[in-house]
Amino acid sequence: MTNVAVHLEAQQHTLQAHVHDALASGTTQTKGQQHPIKLYLVVWGWLFVLSTCSYLVDYFGLHGHLRWSLILLFMVLKAGLIVAVFMHMAWERLALAYAILLPPVLVLVFVAIMVFEADYTHLLRVLFFAPTA
């Protein structure tokens, strides 16, 4: 038991010496990933531009599928920028990115499949259950 205590005490003195050397030299290591502020400013600029474009869709009075396509496009682009940069998904491992991003994509695919199925079912009901004249 005394050998373990002596070993731990030696490690503690070594650690204190390393900390003292680091503080004396003025170099301390920061944990985590540091990104330049320019990256965040550029992303904020793009978010402002995309929000302005989304507002202009309403301002110019676009209607129909074009309106909703543009609004959804701008929404997805803004969400992608936020997730990639501010939630740091651009620098995550590929497996973690797939675990977070893949389920919503699959849900959208299944929703699209159900939309086509609903249109097909509606067409069949109109064709076969419509009153004959």
Protein backbone atom coordinates (compact mmCIF):
# COMPACT_ATOMS: atom_id res chain seq x y z
CA MET A 1 0.00 0.00 0.00
CA THR A 2 2.87 2.37 0.67
CA ASN A 3 4.22 1.87 -2.85
CA VAL A 4 0.91 3.07 -4.27
CA ALA A 5 0.93 6.15 -2.02
CA VAL A 6 4.52 6.98 -3.01
CA HIS A 7 3.65 6.53 -6.70
CA LEU A 8 0.56 8.79 -6.43
CA GLU A 9 2.56 11.43 -4.59
CA ALA A 10 5.23 11.38 -7.30
CA GLN A 11 2.56 11.78 -9.99
CA GLN A 12 1.03 14.68 -8.09
CA HIS A 13 4.39 16.49 -7.88
CA THR A 14 4.99 15.86 -11.60
CA LEU A 15 1.55 17.23 -12.46
CA GLN A 16 2.12 20.30 -10.31
CA ALA A 17 5.44 20.89 -12.05
CA HIS A 18 3.77 20.71 -15.50
CA VAL A 19 1.03 23.12 -14.43
CA HIS A 20 3.59 25.52 -12.97
CA ASP A 21 5.65 25.39 -16.18
CA ALA A 22 2.57 26.02 -18.33
CA LEU A 23 1.48 28.98 -16.24
CA ALA A 24 5.00 30.39 -16.10
CA SER A 25 5.40 30.26 -19.87
CA GLY A 26 2.01 31.89 -20.38
CA THR A 27 0.70 29.14 -22.64
CA THR A 28 -2.42 27.41 -21.52
CA GLN A 29 -4.32 24.97 -23.64
CA THR A 30 -8.02 25.50 -24.13
CA LYS A 31 -10.26 22.52 -24.43
CA GLY A 32 -12.63 22.24 -27.34
CA GLN A 33 -12.56 23.45 -30.87
CA GLN A 34 -12.05 27.13 -31.58
CA HIS A 35 -13.49 28.58 -34.77
CA PRO A 36 -12.69 32.00 -36.17
CA ILE A 37 -15.29 34.69 -35.53
CA LYS A 38 -15.36 35.35 -39.28
CA LEU A 39 -17.10 32.01 -39.82
CA TYR A 40 -19.94 32.97 -37.49
CA LEU A 41 -20.26 36.44 -39.01
CA VAL A 42 -20.48 34.97 -42.52
CA VAL A 43 -23.15 32.51 -41.39
CA TRP A 44 -25.11 35.30 -39.69
CA GLY A 45 -24.87 37.29 -42.92
CA TRP A 46 -26.20 34.37 -44.96
CA LEU A 47 -29.03 33.85 -42.46
CA PHE A 48 -29.94 37.53 -42.81
CA VAL A 49 -29.88 37.28 -46.63
CA LEU A 50 -32.01 34.12 -46.63
CA SER A 51 -34.50 35.65 -44.20
CA THR A 52 -34.71 38.73 -46.40
CA CYS A 53 -35.37 36.54 -49.44
CA SER A 54 -38.08 34.69 -47.52
CA TYR A 55 -39.68 38.03 -46.63
CA LEU A 56 -39.47 39.20 -50.25
CA VAL A 57 -41.49 36.17 -51.36
CA ASP A 58 -44.42 37.59 -49.40
CA TYR A 59 -43.62 41.19 -50.31
CA PHE A 60 -43.79 40.51 -54.05
CA GLY A 61 -46.99 38.52 -53.61
CA LEU A 62 -45.93 35.24 -55.13
CA HIS A 63 -48.65 32.59 -55.03
CA GLY A 64 -49.11 28.88 -55.46
CA HIS A 65 -46.42 26.26 -55.70
CA LEU A 66 -43.67 28.81 -56.41
CA ARG A 67 -44.35 30.62 -53.14
CA TRP A 68 -44.31 27.49 -51.01
CA SER A 69 -41.32 26.04 -52.84
CA LEU A 70 -39.28 29.18 -52.22
CA ILE A 71 -40.34 29.47 -48.58
CA LEU A 72 -39.47 25.83 -47.93
CA LEU A 73 -36.16 26.16 -49.78
CA PHE A 74 -35.11 29.18 -47.72
CA MET A 75 -36.27 27.46 -44.53
CA VAL A 76 -34.23 24.32 -45.25
CA LEU A 77 -31.15 26.36 -46.17
CA LYS A 78 -31.36 28.37 -42.94
CA ALA A 79 -31.89 25.24 -40.86
CA GLY A 80 -28.95 23.56 -42.57
CA LEU A 81 -26.65 26.49 -41.81
CA ILE A 82 -27.74 26.59 -38.18
CA VAL A 83 -27.30 22.85 -37.69
CA ALA A 84 -23.97 22.72 -39.52
CA VAL A 85 -22.25 25.68 -37.88
CA PHE A 86 -23.95 26.66 -34.64
CA MET A 87 -24.67 23.07 -33.57
CA HIS A 88 -21.20 22.02 -34.82
CA MET A 89 -22.54 19.18 -36.97
CA ALA A 90 -20.09 20.03 -39.74
CA TRP A 91 -17.25 18.88 -37.50
CA GLU A 92 -18.88 15.83 -35.94
CA ARG A 93 -18.18 12.24 -36.81
CA LEU A 94 -20.10 10.89 -39.74
CA ALA A 95 -21.92 8.31 -37.61
CA LEU A 96 -23.25 10.99 -35.25
CA ALA A 97 -24.33 13.17 -38.15
CA TYR A 98 -26.20 10.23 -39.68
CA ALA A 99 -27.81 9.42 -36.33
CA ILE A 100 -29.18 12.95 -36.03
CA LEU A 101 -29.87 13.91 -39.65
CA LEU A 102 -31.00 10.64 -41.21
CA PRO A 103 -34.27 10.08 -39.24
CA PRO A 104 -35.87 13.42 -40.26
CA VAL A 105 -34.90 12.77 -43.88
CA LEU A 106 -36.50 9.33 -43.72
CA VAL A 107 -39.64 10.81 -42.18
CA LEU A 108 -39.86 13.25 -45.10
CA VAL A 109 -39.45 10.38 -47.57
CA PHE A 110 -42.24 8.44 -45.87
CA VAL A 111 -44.48 11.53 -45.89
CA ALA A 112 -43.87 11.92 -49.63
CA ILE A 113 -44.76 8.26 -50.17
CA MET A 114 -47.98 8.72 -48.20
CA VAL A 115 -48.88 11.82 -50.25
CA PHE A 116 -48.64 9.78 -53.46
CA GLU A 117 -50.60 6.96 -51.84
CA ALA A 118 -53.32 9.38 -50.75
CA ASP A 119 -53.62 10.82 -54.25
CA TYR A 120 -53.88 7.33 -55.71
CA THR A 121 -56.54 6.30 -53.18
CA HIS A 122 -58.52 9.47 -53.87
CA LEU A 123 -58.36 8.83 -57.62
CA LEU A 124 -59.62 5.27 -57.17
CA ARG A 125 -62.50 6.41 -54.99
CA VAL A 126 -63.51 9.08 -57.49
CA LEU A 127 -63.38 6.59 -60.36
CA PHE A 128 -65.17 3.66 -58.74
CA PHE A 129 -67.50 5.22 -56.18
CA ALA A 130 -68.69 8.24 -58.11
CA PRO A 131 -72.41 8.18 -58.82
CA THR A 132 -73.19 7.17 -62.37
CA ALA A 133 -75.36 9.50 -64.33
